[in-house]
Amino acid sequence: MRAATSILGVVLPLLVMAGGCQKQSGCAGLSNLDTDSNNNGFFDLLPPDGVPFTEEQNLRITIMNTLTEDDLEPFAAQAGVSPSLVRLADFLVDFRFNIEYEDGSTQTICETEPLRAFEFNFEIACPTRADLHIDVIALAPVVGTEITRVPLELSLDTVDYECGQSVEFITTTDEDGELAQSIIVE
């Protein structure tokens, strides 16, 4: 189980903000963003009324993932799972991204996304706090019932950034086929 948790710890930071399948009520979603008011290549996730949304202070976020379920097969045995079962199961990433702003207002992004290759670019108003609550869900083949759910929590506060910068999260495999994660702040 420890190996499975460490594998998911590498995969999840990049998957947590991906938009997709299901949107929980009361939450904003990334999958429906279509406005880029300043044409900088980052869709606008507008904050609550009264929170400044300015290009100079916004935080631009890129989430890139090249991993697919096939990339998990080599690690399945380490986690005590038959690699053949990995091919049969479906994997979802369910997340809740809670953002708090300087005036005390909050905003929540909720999405459920299948494990696949993707890239999302969006910008948010400068947060004072941002926490991620993540579950990776394995679903049984055919019937789609939940087999297991692995919860993880992360915080954007662990990334050294300043408002107005861009933060890029990349999850992929390296030249040896090992899972790799990088965080680039510019």
N, C-alpha and C. Protein backbone atom coordinates (compact mmCIF):
# COMPACT_ATOMS: atom_id res chain seq x y z
N MET A 1 0.83 -1.19 0.00
CA MET A 1 0.00 0.00 0.00
C MET A 1 0.87 1.25 0.00
N ARG A 2 2.01 1.21 0.68
CA ARG A 2 2.90 2.35 0.72
C ARG A 2 3.39 2.69 -0.68
N ALA A 3 3.73 1.67 -1.49
CA ALA A 3 4.19 1.92 -2.87
C ALA A 3 3.07 2.54 -3.69
N ALA A 4 1.83 2.09 -3.51
CA ALA A 4 0.71 2.64 -4.27
C ALA A 4 0.51 4.11 -3.90
N THR A 5 0.61 4.44 -2.62
CA THR A 5 0.45 5.81 -2.19
C THR A 5 1.54 6.69 -2.76
N SER A 6 2.80 6.21 -2.78
CA SER A 6 3.88 7.03 -3.31
C SER A 6 3.73 7.22 -4.81
N ILE A 7 3.26 6.22 -5.53
CA ILE A 7 3.02 6.36 -6.98
C ILE A 7 1.95 7.41 -7.21
N LEU A 8 0.88 7.33 -6.45
CA LEU A 8 -0.21 8.29 -6.62
C LEU A 8 0.22 9.69 -6.21
N GLY A 9 1.15 9.79 -5.26
CA GLY A 9 1.67 11.08 -4.86
C GLY A 9 2.40 11.78 -5.99
N VAL A 10 2.96 11.05 -6.90
CA VAL A 10 3.62 11.65 -8.06
C VAL A 10 2.61 12.02 -9.12
N VAL A 11 1.64 11.17 -9.34
CA VAL A 11 0.66 11.38 -10.42
C VAL A 11 -0.30 12.51 -10.09
N LEU A 12 -0.74 12.61 -8.86
CA LEU A 12 -1.85 13.48 -8.53
C LEU A 12 -1.63 14.97 -8.65
N PRO A 13 -0.49 15.53 -8.27
CA PRO A 13 -0.39 16.98 -8.33
C PRO A 13 -0.71 17.55 -9.70
N LEU A 14 -0.46 16.83 -10.75
CA LEU A 14 -0.77 17.34 -12.08
C LEU A 14 -2.17 17.05 -12.51
N LEU A 15 -2.78 16.07 -11.93
CA LEU A 15 -4.12 15.71 -12.35
C LEU A 15 -5.19 16.50 -11.63
N VAL A 16 -4.86 17.08 -10.45
CA VAL A 16 -5.89 17.59 -9.59
C VAL A 16 -6.69 18.73 -10.16
N MET A 17 -6.13 19.48 -11.05
CA MET A 17 -6.86 20.62 -11.56
C MET A 17 -7.46 20.39 -12.93
N ALA A 18 -7.40 19.19 -13.45
CA ALA A 18 -7.94 18.92 -14.78
C ALA A 18 -9.45 18.94 -14.75
N GLY A 19 -10.07 19.49 -15.75
CA GLY A 19 -11.52 19.55 -15.81
C GLY A 19 -12.08 18.32 -16.47
N GLY A 20 -13.37 18.03 -16.24
CA GLY A 20 -13.83 16.86 -16.93
C GLY A 20 -15.22 16.37 -16.64
N CYS A 21 -15.30 15.13 -16.26
CA CYS A 21 -16.52 14.33 -16.33
C CYS A 21 -17.67 14.84 -15.49
N GLN A 22 -17.46 15.05 -14.21
CA GLN A 22 -18.57 15.38 -13.33
C GLN A 22 -18.22 16.64 -12.56
N LYS A 23 -19.21 17.49 -12.37
CA LYS A 23 -19.00 18.70 -11.59
C LYS A 23 -19.90 18.62 -10.37
N GLN A 24 -19.29 18.75 -9.18
CA GLN A 24 -20.07 18.70 -7.97
C GLN A 24 -20.81 20.04 -7.83
N SER A 25 -22.00 20.02 -7.22
CA SER A 25 -22.79 21.23 -7.11
C SER A 25 -22.07 22.26 -6.24
N GLY A 26 -22.26 23.55 -6.60
CA GLY A 26 -21.66 24.62 -5.84
C GLY A 26 -20.20 24.86 -6.16
N CYS A 27 -19.67 24.23 -7.18
CA CYS A 27 -18.26 24.36 -7.51
C CYS A 27 -18.08 24.88 -8.94
N ALA A 28 -17.03 25.65 -9.14
CA ALA A 28 -16.66 26.06 -10.49
C ALA A 28 -15.95 24.90 -11.15
N GLY A 29 -15.97 24.86 -12.46
CA GLY A 29 -15.30 23.77 -13.17
C GLY A 29 -14.38 24.31 -14.25
N LEU A 30 -13.27 23.64 -14.47
CA LEU A 30 -12.31 24.06 -15.49
C LEU A 30 -12.71 23.62 -16.89
N SER A 31 -13.47 22.55 -16.98
CA SER A 31 -13.80 22.00 -18.29
C SER A 31 -14.68 22.93 -19.11
N ASN A 32 -15.36 23.87 -18.47
CA ASN A 32 -16.25 24.77 -19.19
C ASN A 32 -15.66 26.16 -19.42
N LEU A 33 -14.42 26.39 -19.01
CA LEU A 33 -13.81 27.70 -19.21
C LEU A 33 -13.57 27.94 -20.70
N ASP A 34 -13.95 29.11 -21.18
CA ASP A 34 -13.73 29.42 -22.59
C ASP A 34 -13.35 30.88 -22.84
N THR A 35 -13.17 31.66 -21.77
CA THR A 35 -12.82 33.07 -21.91
C THR A 35 -11.37 33.30 -21.53
N ASP A 36 -10.65 33.97 -22.43
CA ASP A 36 -9.27 34.39 -22.19
C ASP A 36 -9.23 35.89 -22.53
N SER A 37 -9.67 36.72 -21.57
CA SER A 37 -9.89 38.15 -21.84
C SER A 37 -8.65 38.91 -22.26
N ASN A 38 -7.46 38.47 -21.84
CA ASN A 38 -6.24 39.18 -22.22
C ASN A 38 -5.45 38.43 -23.28
N ASN A 39 -6.04 37.37 -23.84
CA ASN A 39 -5.41 36.60 -24.94
C ASN A 39 -3.98 36.14 -24.62
N ASN A 40 -3.76 35.69 -23.38
CA ASN A 40 -2.42 35.21 -23.00
C ASN A 40 -2.32 33.68 -23.01
N GLY A 41 -3.36 33.00 -23.48
CA GLY A 41 -3.32 31.54 -23.55
C GLY A 41 -3.78 30.85 -22.29
N PHE A 42 -4.26 31.61 -21.28
CA PHE A 42 -4.74 31.05 -20.02
C PHE A 42 -6.21 31.44 -19.85
N PHE A 43 -7.10 30.44 -19.75
CA PHE A 43 -8.51 30.74 -19.57
C PHE A 43 -8.74 31.37 -18.20
N ASP A 44 -9.70 32.27 -18.14
CA ASP A 44 -10.00 33.02 -16.92
C ASP A 44 -10.92 32.23 -16.00
N LEU A 45 -10.48 32.01 -14.77
CA LEU A 45 -11.34 31.49 -13.72
C LEU A 45 -11.67 32.69 -12.84
N LEU A 46 -12.79 33.34 -13.14
CA LEU A 46 -13.13 34.60 -12.48
C LEU A 46 -13.40 34.37 -10.99
N PRO A 47 -12.85 35.25 -10.15
CA PRO A 47 -13.04 35.12 -8.70
C PRO A 47 -14.40 35.69 -8.28
N PRO A 48 -14.73 35.56 -6.99
CA PRO A 48 -15.96 36.17 -6.48
C PRO A 48 -15.92 37.69 -6.65
N ASP A 49 -17.09 38.33 -6.66
CA ASP A 49 -17.17 39.79 -6.78
C ASP A 49 -16.31 40.46 -5.71
N GLY A 50 -15.63 41.51 -6.12
CA GLY A 50 -14.80 42.29 -5.19
C GLY A 50 -13.36 41.86 -5.13
N VAL A 51 -13.00 40.70 -5.70
CA VAL A 51 -11.62 40.22 -5.71
C VAL A 51 -10.98 40.69 -7.02
N PRO A 52 -9.87 41.44 -6.93
CA PRO A 52 -9.24 41.95 -8.15
C PRO A 52 -8.72 40.82 -9.05
N PHE A 53 -9.00 40.96 -10.34
CA PHE A 53 -8.55 40.00 -11.34
C PHE A 53 -7.78 40.80 -12.38
N THR A 54 -6.46 40.91 -12.16
CA THR A 54 -5.62 41.73 -13.04
C THR A 54 -4.47 40.89 -13.57
N GLU A 55 -4.13 41.11 -14.82
CA GLU A 55 -3.08 40.32 -15.46
C GLU A 55 -1.76 40.38 -14.68
N GLU A 56 -1.46 41.52 -14.10
CA GLU A 56 -0.20 41.69 -13.37
C GLU A 56 -0.14 40.86 -12.09
N GLN A 57 -1.28 40.61 -11.46
CA GLN A 57 -1.32 39.90 -10.18
C GLN A 57 -1.89 38.50 -10.25
N ASN A 58 -2.54 38.14 -11.35
CA ASN A 58 -3.13 36.80 -11.46
C ASN A 58 -2.04 35.74 -11.44
N LEU A 59 -2.40 34.56 -10.98
CA LEU A 59 -1.51 33.41 -11.00
C LEU A 59 -1.91 32.54 -12.18
N ARG A 60 -0.98 32.34 -13.10
CA ARG A 60 -1.23 31.51 -14.28
C ARG A 60 -0.77 30.09 -13.99
N ILE A 61 -1.64 29.13 -14.28
CA ILE A 61 -1.35 27.73 -13.93
C ILE A 61 -1.47 26.86 -15.18
N THR A 62 -0.44 26.03 -15.39
CA THR A 62 -0.48 25.02 -16.45
C THR A 62 -0.37 23.66 -15.78
N ILE A 63 -1.28 22.78 -16.14
CA ILE A 63 -1.26 21.41 -15.65
C ILE A 63 -1.07 20.52 -16.87
N MET A 64 0.04 19.78 -16.91
CA MET A 64 0.33 18.92 -18.05
C MET A 64 0.58 17.50 -17.56
N ASN A 65 -0.05 16.55 -18.22
CA ASN A 65 0.12 15.15 -17.87
C ASN A 65 0.24 14.34 -19.15
N THR A 66 1.23 13.46 -19.20
CA THR A 66 1.36 12.56 -20.34
C THR A 66 1.08 11.11 -19.94
N LEU A 67 0.83 10.87 -18.65
CA LEU A 67 0.61 9.51 -18.16
C LEU A 67 -0.74 8.97 -18.59
N THR A 68 -0.77 7.68 -18.86
CA THR A 68 -2.02 6.96 -19.12
C THR A 68 -2.01 5.74 -18.21
N GLU A 69 -3.06 4.97 -18.26
CA GLU A 69 -3.14 3.76 -17.44
C GLU A 69 -2.01 2.79 -17.78
N ASP A 70 -1.58 2.76 -19.04
CA ASP A 70 -0.48 1.88 -19.44
C ASP A 70 0.81 2.20 -18.67
N ASP A 71 1.01 3.47 -18.34
CA ASP A 71 2.21 3.85 -17.59
C ASP A 71 2.19 3.32 -16.16
N LEU A 72 1.02 2.96 -15.65
CA LEU A 72 0.92 2.45 -14.27
C LEU A 72 1.24 0.97 -14.17
N GLU A 73 1.16 0.24 -15.28
CA GLU A 73 1.36 -1.21 -15.25
C GLU A 73 2.68 -1.64 -14.60
N PRO A 74 3.82 -1.04 -14.94
CA PRO A 74 5.07 -1.50 -14.33
C PRO A 74 5.10 -1.35 -12.80
N PHE A 75 4.27 -0.47 -12.26
CA PHE A 75 4.27 -0.22 -10.81
C PHE A 75 3.20 -1.02 -10.08
N ALA A 76 2.34 -1.70 -10.82
CA ALA A 76 1.23 -2.42 -10.20
C ALA A 76 1.71 -3.53 -9.27
N ALA A 77 2.68 -4.33 -9.72
CA ALA A 77 3.18 -5.43 -8.89
C ALA A 77 3.75 -4.90 -7.58
N GLN A 78 4.46 -3.76 -7.65
CA GLN A 78 5.02 -3.16 -6.43
C GLN A 78 3.91 -2.78 -5.45
N ALA A 79 2.75 -2.43 -5.99
CA ALA A 79 1.63 -2.04 -5.14
C ALA A 79 0.75 -3.23 -4.77
N GLY A 80 1.15 -4.46 -5.21
CA GLY A 80 0.40 -5.65 -4.87
C GLY A 80 -0.81 -5.89 -5.76
N VAL A 81 -0.81 -5.28 -6.94
CA VAL A 81 -1.93 -5.42 -7.87
C VAL A 81 -1.43 -6.10 -9.13
N SER A 82 -2.18 -7.05 -9.63
CA SER A 82 -1.81 -7.72 -10.86
C SER A 82 -1.82 -6.71 -12.01
N PRO A 83 -0.72 -6.61 -12.79
CA PRO A 83 -0.70 -5.67 -13.92
C PRO A 83 -1.85 -5.89 -14.90
N SER A 84 -2.34 -7.11 -15.01
CA SER A 84 -3.48 -7.35 -15.91
C SER A 84 -4.75 -6.66 -15.41
N LEU A 85 -4.88 -6.51 -14.10
CA LEU A 85 -6.05 -5.81 -13.56
C LEU A 85 -5.98 -4.32 -13.85
N VAL A 86 -4.77 -3.76 -13.92
CA VAL A 86 -4.62 -2.34 -14.22
C VAL A 86 -5.22 -2.04 -15.59
N ARG A 87 -5.00 -2.94 -16.54
CA ARG A 87 -5.55 -2.74 -17.90
C ARG A 87 -7.07 -2.80 -17.92
N LEU A 88 -7.65 -3.55 -17.00
CA LEU A 88 -9.10 -3.72 -16.99
C LEU A 88 -9.84 -2.62 -16.23
N ALA A 89 -9.24 -2.11 -15.17
CA ALA A 89 -9.90 -1.11 -14.33
C ALA A 89 -9.89 0.26 -15.00
N ASP A 90 -10.85 1.09 -14.62
CA ASP A 90 -10.87 2.49 -15.02
C ASP A 90 -10.38 3.31 -13.83
N PHE A 91 -9.67 4.39 -14.11
CA PHE A 91 -9.14 5.24 -13.05
C PHE A 91 -9.66 6.65 -13.23
N LEU A 92 -10.16 7.22 -12.15
CA LEU A 92 -10.63 8.60 -12.14
C LEU A 92 -9.85 9.37 -11.09
N VAL A 93 -9.71 10.66 -11.32
CA VAL A 93 -9.15 11.56 -10.32
C VAL A 93 -10.26 12.54 -9.96
N ASP A 94 -10.63 12.55 -8.70
CA ASP A 94 -11.69 13.43 -8.21
C ASP A 94 -11.03 14.45 -7.29
N PHE A 95 -11.29 15.75 -7.54
CA PHE A 95 -10.60 16.74 -6.71
C PHE A 95 -11.50 17.91 -6.35
N ARG A 96 -11.09 18.54 -5.26
CA ARG A 96 -11.71 19.78 -4.78
C ARG A 96 -10.55 20.73 -4.47
N PHE A 97 -10.51 21.83 -5.20
CA PHE A 97 -9.45 22.83 -5.08
C PHE A 97 -10.08 24.05 -4.40
N ASN A 98 -9.74 24.27 -3.13
CA ASN A 98 -10.31 25.37 -2.35
C ASN A 98 -9.36 26.56 -2.36
N ILE A 99 -9.84 27.70 -2.83
CA ILE A 99 -9.04 28.92 -2.95
C ILE A 99 -9.60 29.95 -1.99
N GLU A 100 -8.71 30.61 -1.24
CA GLU A 100 -9.12 31.70 -0.36
C GLU A 100 -8.40 32.97 -0.79
N TYR A 101 -9.13 34.07 -0.81
CA TYR A 101 -8.58 35.35 -1.25
C TYR A 101 -8.38 36.29 -0.07
N GLU A 102 -7.65 37.37 -0.30
CA GLU A 102 -7.27 38.30 0.76
C GLU A 102 -8.47 38.86 1.52
N ASP A 103 -9.59 39.08 0.84
CA ASP A 103 -10.77 39.65 1.50
C ASP A 103 -11.57 38.60 2.29
N GLY A 104 -11.09 37.35 2.32
CA GLY A 104 -11.76 36.29 3.05
C GLY A 104 -12.74 35.48 2.21
N SER A 105 -13.02 35.94 1.00
CA SER A 105 -13.94 35.17 0.15
C SER A 105 -13.24 33.91 -0.35
N THR A 106 -14.04 32.94 -0.72
CA THR A 106 -13.49 31.65 -1.15
C THR A 106 -14.12 31.23 -2.47
N GLN A 107 -13.45 30.30 -3.13
CA GLN A 107 -13.93 29.74 -4.38
C GLN A 107 -13.48 28.29 -4.41
N THR A 108 -14.32 27.41 -4.97
CA THR A 108 -13.97 26.00 -5.03
C THR A 108 -14.13 25.49 -6.44
N ILE A 109 -13.13 24.71 -6.87
CA ILE A 109 -13.15 24.06 -8.17
C ILE A 109 -13.30 22.56 -7.90
N CYS A 110 -14.26 21.91 -8.53
CA CYS A 110 -14.46 20.47 -8.35
C CYS A 110 -14.56 19.81 -9.72
N GLU A 111 -13.86 18.74 -9.91
CA GLU A 111 -13.92 18.01 -11.17
C GLU A 111 -13.62 16.53 -10.91
N THR A 112 -14.09 15.70 -11.82
CA THR A 112 -13.71 14.29 -11.87
C THR A 112 -13.21 14.05 -13.28
N GLU A 113 -12.01 13.55 -13.39
CA GLU A 113 -11.33 13.42 -14.68
C GLU A 113 -10.77 12.02 -14.84
N PRO A 114 -10.94 11.40 -16.01
CA PRO A 114 -10.29 10.11 -16.23
C PRO A 114 -8.77 10.29 -16.35
N LEU A 115 -8.04 9.27 -15.97
CA LEU A 115 -6.59 9.30 -16.10
C LEU A 115 -6.25 9.19 -17.59
N ARG A 116 -5.63 10.25 -18.13
CA ARG A 116 -5.28 10.33 -19.55
C ARG A 116 -4.28 11.45 -19.74
N ALA A 117 -3.74 11.58 -20.93
CA ALA A 117 -2.86 12.70 -21.25
C ALA A 117 -3.69 13.96 -21.46
N PHE A 118 -3.23 15.10 -20.90
CA PHE A 118 -3.95 16.36 -21.07
C PHE A 118 -3.04 17.54 -20.75
N GLU A 119 -3.52 18.72 -21.12
CA GLU A 119 -2.88 19.98 -20.72
C GLU A 119 -3.98 21.01 -20.53
N PHE A 120 -3.97 21.70 -19.39
CA PHE A 120 -4.91 22.77 -19.09
C PHE A 120 -4.13 24.01 -18.71
N ASN A 121 -4.58 25.16 -19.22
CA ASN A 121 -3.97 26.45 -18.91
C ASN A 121 -5.07 27.38 -18.42
N PHE A 122 -4.92 27.92 -17.21
CA PHE A 122 -5.92 28.84 -16.68
C PHE A 122 -5.26 29.80 -15.71
N GLU A 123 -5.95 30.90 -15.41
CA GLU A 123 -5.42 31.85 -14.44
C GLU A 123 -6.47 32.18 -13.41
N ILE A 124 -5.98 32.38 -12.18
CA ILE A 124 -6.84 32.71 -11.05
C ILE A 124 -6.35 34.01 -10.44
N ALA A 125 -7.23 34.70 -9.73
CA ALA A 125 -6.82 35.87 -8.97
C ALA A 125 -5.82 35.43 -7.90
N CYS A 126 -4.97 36.35 -7.49
CA CYS A 126 -3.92 36.03 -6.52
C CYS A 126 -4.54 35.48 -5.23
N PRO A 127 -4.24 34.21 -4.89
CA PRO A 127 -4.82 33.62 -3.68
C PRO A 127 -3.95 33.89 -2.45
N THR A 128 -4.58 33.86 -1.28
CA THR A 128 -3.80 33.88 -0.04
C THR A 128 -3.59 32.46 0.46
N ARG A 129 -4.47 31.54 -0.02
CA ARG A 129 -4.36 30.13 0.36
C ARG A 129 -5.03 29.28 -0.70
N ALA A 130 -4.47 28.13 -0.97
CA ALA A 130 -5.07 27.20 -1.94
C ALA A 130 -4.76 25.77 -1.48
N ASP A 131 -5.81 25.00 -1.21
CA ASP A 131 -5.65 23.61 -0.76
C ASP A 131 -6.34 22.67 -1.74
N LEU A 132 -5.72 21.53 -1.95
CA LEU A 132 -6.26 20.52 -2.85
C LEU A 132 -6.63 19.27 -2.06
N HIS A 133 -7.84 18.80 -2.24
CA HIS A 133 -8.29 17.54 -1.64
C HIS A 133 -8.54 16.59 -2.80
N ILE A 134 -7.80 15.50 -2.85
CA ILE A 134 -7.78 14.64 -4.02
C ILE A 134 -8.11 13.20 -3.65
N ASP A 135 -8.88 12.55 -4.51
CA ASP A 135 -9.11 11.12 -4.41
C ASP A 135 -8.82 10.50 -5.76
N VAL A 136 -8.02 9.44 -5.77
CA VAL A 136 -7.87 8.63 -6.97
C VAL A 136 -8.80 7.45 -6.78
N ILE A 137 -9.63 7.20 -7.77
CA ILE A 137 -10.66 6.18 -7.67
C ILE A 137 -10.42 5.11 -8.72
N ALA A 138 -10.34 3.86 -8.29
CA ALA A 138 -10.26 2.73 -9.22
C ALA A 138 -11.65 2.13 -9.32
N LEU A 139 -12.11 1.93 -10.56
CA LEU A 139 -13.44 1.38 -10.79
C LEU A 139 -13.34 -0.03 -11.36
N ALA A 140 -14.23 -0.90 -10.93
CA ALA A 140 -14.26 -2.28 -11.42
C ALA A 140 -14.63 -2.29 -12.90
N PRO A 141 -14.02 -3.22 -13.64
CA PRO A 141 -14.35 -3.33 -15.06
C PRO A 141 -15.83 -3.63 -15.27
N VAL A 142 -16.36 -3.15 -16.36
CA VAL A 142 -17.72 -3.37 -16.83
C VAL A 142 -18.77 -2.70 -15.94
N VAL A 143 -18.84 -3.06 -14.68
CA VAL A 143 -19.90 -2.53 -13.82
C VAL A 143 -19.61 -1.12 -13.31
N GLY A 144 -18.34 -0.72 -13.28
CA GLY A 144 -17.98 0.62 -12.88
C GLY A 144 -18.13 0.94 -11.42
N THR A 145 -18.27 -0.06 -10.56
CA THR A 145 -18.36 0.22 -9.13
C THR A 145 -16.97 0.52 -8.57
N GLU A 146 -16.96 1.31 -7.54
CA GLU A 146 -15.70 1.73 -6.95
C GLU A 146 -15.02 0.57 -6.24
N ILE A 147 -13.75 0.34 -6.59
CA ILE A 147 -12.95 -0.69 -5.93
C ILE A 147 -12.23 -0.09 -4.73
N THR A 148 -11.59 1.04 -4.97
CA THR A 148 -10.85 1.69 -3.90
C THR A 148 -10.76 3.17 -4.18
N ARG A 149 -10.56 3.94 -3.10
CA ARG A 149 -10.40 5.39 -3.19
C ARG A 149 -9.21 5.75 -2.31
N VAL A 150 -8.25 6.44 -2.89
CA VAL A 150 -7.06 6.83 -2.15
C VAL A 150 -7.07 8.35 -1.99
N PRO A 151 -7.29 8.85 -0.76
CA PRO A 151 -7.31 10.30 -0.54
C PRO A 151 -5.90 10.86 -0.34
N LEU A 152 -5.67 12.04 -0.90
CA LEU A 152 -4.42 12.78 -0.69
C LEU A 152 -4.76 14.25 -0.54
N GLU A 153 -3.93 14.99 0.18
CA GLU A 153 -4.12 16.43 0.30
C GLU A 153 -2.82 17.11 -0.04
N LEU A 154 -2.92 18.21 -0.78
CA LEU A 154 -1.76 19.00 -1.17
C LEU A 154 -2.09 20.47 -0.93
N SER A 155 -1.09 21.32 -0.97
CA SER A 155 -1.32 22.75 -0.83
C SER A 155 -0.44 23.50 -1.80
N LEU A 156 -1.02 24.47 -2.50
CA LEU A 156 -0.24 25.30 -3.40
C LEU A 156 0.77 26.12 -2.59
N ASP A 157 0.51 26.26 -1.29
CA ASP A 157 1.42 27.00 -0.42
C ASP A 157 2.79 26.33 -0.33
N THR A 158 2.92 25.07 -0.70
CA THR A 158 4.22 24.40 -0.68
C THR A 158 5.06 24.76 -1.90
N VAL A 159 4.46 25.47 -2.87
CA VAL A 159 5.17 25.91 -4.07
C VAL A 159 5.59 27.37 -3.85
N ASP A 160 6.86 27.68 -4.09
CA ASP A 160 7.38 29.02 -3.88
C ASP A 160 7.07 29.88 -5.11
N TYR A 161 5.99 30.63 -5.07
CA TYR A 161 5.57 31.47 -6.18
C TYR A 161 5.18 32.84 -5.66
N GLU A 162 5.09 33.81 -6.56
CA GLU A 162 4.58 35.13 -6.26
C GLU A 162 3.46 35.43 -7.23
N CYS A 163 2.52 36.25 -6.79
CA CYS A 163 1.42 36.62 -7.67
C CYS A 163 1.98 37.29 -8.92
N GLY A 164 1.39 37.00 -10.05
CA GLY A 164 1.86 37.51 -11.33
C GLY A 164 2.73 36.52 -12.07
N GLN A 165 3.13 35.44 -11.40
CA GLN A 165 3.98 34.43 -12.03
C GLN A 165 3.13 33.31 -12.64
N SER A 166 3.82 32.41 -13.32
CA SER A 166 3.20 31.21 -13.88
C SER A 166 3.77 30.00 -13.15
N VAL A 167 2.90 29.03 -12.85
CA VAL A 167 3.32 27.79 -12.22
C VAL A 167 2.92 26.66 -13.16
N GLU A 168 3.90 25.84 -13.52
CA GLU A 168 3.66 24.72 -14.44
C GLU A 168 3.93 23.41 -13.71
N PHE A 169 2.92 22.54 -13.71
CA PHE A 169 3.04 21.21 -13.11
C PHE A 169 3.09 20.20 -14.25
N ILE A 170 4.11 19.37 -14.28
CA ILE A 170 4.24 18.37 -15.35
C ILE A 170 4.41 17.00 -14.72
N THR A 171 3.59 16.04 -15.14
CA THR A 171 3.75 14.65 -14.73
C THR A 171 3.95 13.83 -15.99
N THR A 172 4.98 13.01 -16.00
CA THR A 172 5.33 12.22 -17.18
C THR A 172 6.17 11.03 -16.74
N THR A 173 6.78 10.34 -17.66
CA THR A 173 7.78 9.33 -17.34
C THR A 173 9.12 9.81 -17.86
N ASP A 174 10.19 9.43 -17.16
CA ASP A 174 11.53 9.83 -17.59
C ASP A 174 12.09 8.81 -18.58
N GLU A 175 13.36 8.99 -18.97
CA GLU A 175 13.97 8.10 -19.97
C GLU A 175 14.07 6.65 -19.50
N ASP A 176 13.98 6.41 -18.18
CA ASP A 176 14.02 5.05 -17.64
C ASP A 176 12.63 4.46 -17.43
N GLY A 177 11.58 5.21 -17.81
CA GLY A 177 10.23 4.73 -17.64
C GLY A 177 9.67 4.96 -16.25
N GLU A 178 10.41 5.68 -15.41
CA GLU A 178 9.95 5.97 -14.05
C GLU A 178 9.03 7.17 -14.07
N LEU A 179 8.06 7.19 -13.15
CA LEU A 179 7.19 8.36 -13.03
C LEU A 179 8.00 9.55 -12.58
N ALA A 180 7.77 10.71 -13.21
CA ALA A 180 8.53 11.91 -12.88
C ALA A 180 7.59 13.10 -12.80
N GLN A 181 7.89 14.00 -11.87
CA GLN A 181 7.10 15.21 -11.70
C GLN A 181 8.03 16.40 -11.62
N SER A 182 7.65 17.49 -12.28
CA SER A 182 8.42 18.72 -12.12
C SER A 182 7.46 19.88 -11.93
N ILE A 183 7.93 20.87 -11.18
CA ILE A 183 7.18 22.09 -10.96
C ILE A 183 8.09 23.23 -11.38
N ILE A 184 7.62 24.03 -12.32
CA ILE A 184 8.42 25.14 -12.84
C ILE A 184 7.66 26.43 -12.53
N VAL A 185 8.36 27.38 -11.91
CA VAL A 185 7.77 28.69 -11.59
C VAL A 185 8.53 29.73 -12.39
N GLU A 186 7.77 30.52 -13.16
CA GLU A 186 8.39 31.58 -13.95
C GLU A 186 7.71 32.91 -13.71
